PDB file of N, CA and C in Angstrom:
ATOM      1  N   MET A   1      -5.202   8.772 -12.959  1.00  0.00           N
ATOM      2  CA  MET A   1      -6.479   8.308 -12.446  1.00  0.00           C
ATOM      3  C   MET A   1      -7.196   9.496 -11.814  1.00  0.00           C
ATOM      4  N   GLU A   2      -8.441   9.626 -12.118  1.00  0.00           N
ATOM      5  CA  GLU A   2      -9.222  10.715 -11.550  1.00  0.00           C
ATOM      6  C   GLU A   2      -9.464  10.490 -10.069  1.00  0.00           C
ATOM      7  N   LYS A   3      -9.649  11.585  -9.353  1.00  0.00           N
ATOM      8  CA  LYS A   3      -9.879  11.504  -7.914  1.00  0.00           C
ATOM      9  C   LYS A   3     -11.127  10.680  -7.601  1.00  0.00           C
ATOM     10  N   LEU A   4     -12.187  10.882  -8.350  1.00  0.00           N
ATOM     11  CA  LEU A   4     -13.429  10.142  -8.129  1.00  0.00           C
ATOM     12  C   LEU A   4     -13.222   8.653  -8.368  1.00  0.00           C
ATOM     13  N   GLU A   5     -12.485   8.314  -9.411  1.00  0.00           N
ATOM     14  CA  GLU A   5     -12.213   6.909  -9.709  1.00  0.00           C
ATOM     15  C   GLU A   5     -11.398   6.271  -8.591  1.00  0.00           C
ATOM     16  N   SER A   6     -10.416   7.003  -8.095  1.00  0.00           N
ATOM     17  CA  SER A   6      -9.596   6.510  -6.995  1.00  0.00           C
ATOM     18  C   SER A   6     -10.453   6.266  -5.758  1.00  0.00           C
ATOM     19  N   HIS A   7     -11.329   7.209  -5.448  1.00  0.00           N
ATOM     20  CA  HIS A   7     -12.230   7.069  -4.301  1.00  0.00           C
ATOM     21  C   HIS A   7     -13.139   5.856  -4.481  1.00  0.00           C
ATOM     22  N   THR A   8     -13.665   5.671  -5.668  1.00  0.00           N
ATOM     23  CA  THR A   8     -14.566   4.559  -5.949  1.00  0.00           C
ATOM     24  C   THR A   8     -13.843   3.217  -5.772  1.00  0.00           C
ATOM     25  N   LEU A   9     -12.604   3.137  -6.216  1.00  0.00           N
ATOM     26  CA  LEU A   9     -11.838   1.898  -6.064  1.00  0.00           C
ATOM     27  C   LEU A   9     -11.549   1.607  -4.596  1.00  0.00           C
ATOM     28  N   LYS A  10     -11.201   2.644  -3.843  1.00  0.00           N
ATOM     29  CA  LYS A  10     -10.936   2.463  -2.410  1.00  0.00           C
ATOM     30  C   LYS A  10     -12.210   2.034  -1.686  1.00  0.00           C
ATOM     31  N   GLU A  11     -13.320   2.653  -2.034  1.00  0.00           N
ATOM     32  CA  GLU A  11     -14.589   2.290  -1.403  1.00  0.00           C
ATOM     33  C   GLU A  11     -14.942   0.842  -1.707  1.00  0.00           C
ATOM     34  N   ALA A  12     -14.752   0.418  -2.933  1.00  0.00           N
ATOM     35  CA  ALA A  12     -15.047  -0.965  -3.316  1.00  0.00           C
ATOM     36  C   ALA A  12     -14.151  -1.940  -2.553  1.00  0.00           C
ATOM     37  N   ALA A  13     -12.892  -1.577  -2.387  1.00  0.00           N
ATOM     38  CA  ALA A  13     -11.971  -2.439  -1.649  1.00  0.00           C
ATOM     39  C   ALA A  13     -12.412  -2.573  -0.194  1.00  0.00           C
ATOM     40  N   TRP A  14     -12.835  -1.471   0.414  1.00  0.00           N
ATOM     41  CA  TRP A  14     -13.280  -1.540   1.806  1.00  0.00           C
ATOM     42  C   TRP A  14     -14.597  -2.274   1.942  1.00  0.00           C
ATOM     43  N   ARG A  15     -15.489  -2.115   0.988  1.00  0.00           N
ATOM     44  CA  ARG A  15     -16.747  -2.874   1.046  1.00  0.00           C
ATOM     45  C   ARG A  15     -16.457  -4.369   0.990  1.00  0.00           C
ATOM     46  N   THR A  16     -15.513  -4.759   0.156  1.00  0.00           N
ATOM     47  CA  THR A  16     -15.109  -6.162   0.066  1.00  0.00           C
ATOM     48  C   THR A  16     -14.514  -6.620   1.383  1.00  0.00           C
ATOM     49  N   ARG A  17     -13.638  -5.790   1.961  1.00  0.00           N
ATOM     50  CA  ARG A  17     -13.001  -6.148   3.232  1.00  0.00           C
ATOM     51  C   ARG A  17     -14.047  -6.292   4.336  1.00  0.00           C
ATOM     52  N   LEU A  18     -15.028  -5.402   4.395  1.00  0.00           N
ATOM     53  CA  LEU A  18     -16.088  -5.498   5.408  1.00  0.00           C
ATOM     54  C   LEU A  18     -16.911  -6.768   5.221  1.00  0.00           C
ATOM     55  N   GLN A  19     -17.183  -7.114   3.978  1.00  0.00           N
ATOM     56  CA  GLN A  19     -17.928  -8.340   3.694  1.00  0.00           C
ATOM     57  C   GLN A  19     -17.108  -9.568   4.105  1.00  0.00           C
ATOM     58  N   GLN A  20     -15.813  -9.543   3.827  1.00  0.00           N
ATOM     59  CA  GLN A  20     -14.950 -10.656   4.217  1.00  0.00           C
ATOM     60  C   GLN A  20     -14.908 -10.796   5.731  1.00  0.00           C
ATOM     61  N   HIS A  21     -14.874  -9.671   6.436  1.00  0.00           N
ATOM     62  CA  HIS A  21     -14.880  -9.723   7.894  1.00  0.00           C
ATOM     63  C   HIS A  21     -16.165 -10.360   8.388  1.00  0.00           C
ATOM     64  N   ALA A  22     -17.289  -9.937   7.847  1.00  0.00           N
ATOM     65  CA  ALA A  22     -18.580 -10.475   8.275  1.00  0.00           C
ATOM     66  C   ALA A  22     -18.651 -11.985   8.061  1.00  0.00           C
ATOM     67  N   GLN A  23     -18.069 -12.460   6.984  1.00  0.00           N
ATOM     68  CA  GLN A  23     -18.118 -13.881   6.662  1.00  0.00           C
ATOM     69  C   GLN A  23     -17.061 -14.692   7.402  1.00  0.00           C
ATOM     70  N   SER A  24     -16.060 -14.016   7.959  1.00  0.00           N
ATOM     71  CA  SER A  24     -14.945 -14.729   8.579  1.00  0.00           C
ATOM     72  C   SER A  24     -15.285 -15.328   9.936  1.00  0.00           C
ATOM     73  N   GLY A  25     -16.213 -14.710  10.638  1.00  0.00           N
ATOM     74  CA  GLY A  25     -16.530 -15.162  11.982  1.00  0.00           C
ATOM     75  C   GLY A  25     -15.493 -14.743  13.012  1.00  0.00           C
ATOM     76  N   LYS A  26     -14.501 -13.971  12.596  1.00  0.00           N
ATOM     77  CA  LYS A  26     -13.443 -13.517  13.490  1.00  0.00           C
ATOM     78  C   LYS A  26     -13.847 -12.206  14.156  1.00  0.00           C
ATOM     79  N   SER A  27     -13.222 -11.945  15.307  1.00  0.00           N
ATOM     80  CA  SER A  27     -13.393 -10.632  15.920  1.00  0.00           C
ATOM     81  C   SER A  27     -12.737  -9.603  15.000  1.00  0.00           C
ATOM     82  N   MET A  28     -13.112  -8.344  15.195  1.00  0.00           N
ATOM     83  CA  MET A  28     -12.511  -7.300  14.380  1.00  0.00           C
ATOM     84  C   MET A  28     -11.001  -7.259  14.590  1.00  0.00           C
ATOM     85  N   ALA A  29     -10.548  -7.394  15.834  1.00  0.00           N
ATOM     86  CA  ALA A  29      -9.113  -7.347  16.123  1.00  0.00           C
ATOM     87  C   ALA A  29      -8.374  -8.484  15.412  1.00  0.00           C
ATOM     88  N   ALA A  30      -8.919  -9.696  15.480  1.00  0.00           N
ATOM     89  CA  ALA A  30      -8.274 -10.842  14.828  1.00  0.00           C
ATOM     90  C   ALA A  30      -8.263 -10.677  13.316  1.00  0.00           C
ATOM     91  N   PHE A  31      -9.360 -10.228  12.756  1.00  0.00           N
ATOM     92  CA  PHE A  31      -9.432 -10.030  11.308  1.00  0.00           C
ATOM     93  C   PHE A  31      -8.426  -8.983  10.855  1.00  0.00           C
ATOM     94  N   CYS A  32      -8.377  -7.856  11.575  1.00  0.00           N
ATOM     95  CA  CYS A  32      -7.438  -6.790  11.208  1.00  0.00           C
ATOM     96  C   CYS A  32      -6.000  -7.257  11.320  1.00  0.00           C
ATOM     97  N   ARG A  33      -5.689  -8.000  12.356  1.00  0.00           N
ATOM     98  CA  ARG A  33      -4.338  -8.533  12.520  1.00  0.00           C
ATOM     99  C   ARG A  33      -3.989  -9.443  11.341  1.00  0.00           C
ATOM    100  N   ASP A  34      -4.900 -10.343  11.002  1.00  0.00           N
ATOM    101  CA  ASP A  34      -4.647 -11.294   9.914  1.00  0.00           C
ATOM    102  C   ASP A  34      -4.547 -10.614   8.554  1.00  0.00           C
ATOM    103  N   GLU A  35      -5.276  -9.509   8.384  1.00  0.00           N
ATOM    104  CA  GLU A  35      -5.280  -8.778   7.109  1.00  0.00           C
ATOM    105  C   GLU A  35      -4.253  -7.653   7.073  1.00  0.00           C
ATOM    106  N   ALA A  36      -3.544  -7.469   8.188  1.00  0.00           N
ATOM    107  CA  ALA A  36      -2.505  -6.436   8.302  1.00  0.00           C
ATOM    108  C   ALA A  36      -3.064  -5.030   8.071  1.00  0.00           C
ATOM    109  N   VAL A  37      -4.223  -4.774   8.674  1.00  0.00           N
ATOM    110  CA  VAL A  37      -4.793  -3.421   8.660  1.00  0.00           C
ATOM    111  C   VAL A  37      -5.023  -3.013  10.118  1.00  0.00           C
ATOM    112  N   SER A  38      -4.945  -1.724  10.376  1.00  0.00           N
ATOM    113  CA  SER A  38      -5.157  -1.270  11.742  1.00  0.00           C
ATOM    114  C   SER A  38      -6.643  -1.257  12.066  1.00  0.00           C
ATOM    115  N   THR A  39      -6.960  -1.482  13.323  1.00  0.00           N
ATOM    116  CA  THR A  39      -8.372  -1.425  13.718  1.00  0.00           C
ATOM    117  C   THR A  39      -8.890  -0.006  13.565  1.00  0.00           C
ATOM    118  N   ALA A  40      -8.031   0.997  13.723  1.00  0.00           N
ATOM    119  CA  ALA A  40      -8.455   2.393  13.545  1.00  0.00           C
ATOM    120  C   ALA A  40      -8.905   2.638  12.100  1.00  0.00           C
ATOM    121  N   SER A  41      -8.188   2.103  11.139  1.00  0.00           N
ATOM    122  CA  SER A  41      -8.571   2.312   9.737  1.00  0.00           C
ATOM    123  C   SER A  41      -9.835   1.521   9.396  1.00  0.00           C
ATOM    124  N   PHE A  42     -10.086   0.479  10.135  1.00  0.00           N
ATOM    125  CA  PHE A  42     -11.272  -0.344   9.901  1.00  0.00           C
ATOM    126  C   PHE A  42     -12.549   0.412  10.243  1.00  0.00           C
ATOM    127  N   HIS A  43     -12.448   1.411  11.109  1.00  0.00           N
ATOM    128  CA  HIS A  43     -13.610   2.199  11.541  1.00  0.00           C
ATOM    129  C   HIS A  43     -13.833   3.449  10.709  1.00  0.00           C
ATOM    130  N   MET A  44     -13.033   3.704   9.730  1.00  0.00           N
ATOM    131  CA  MET A  44     -13.138   4.947   8.958  1.00  0.00           C
ATOM    132  C   MET A  44     -14.391   5.003   8.160  1.00  0.00           C
TER     133      MET A  44
END
């Protein structure tokens, strides 16, 4: 997989995750806990 393709897939995954957070109505901490991602990575 090319580096650009890998970056594009990761970006798409995070855009989806951010959209899911916005629609969840949960705090960032609760959403990250439920999704098993760190709050630090959520701010990248």
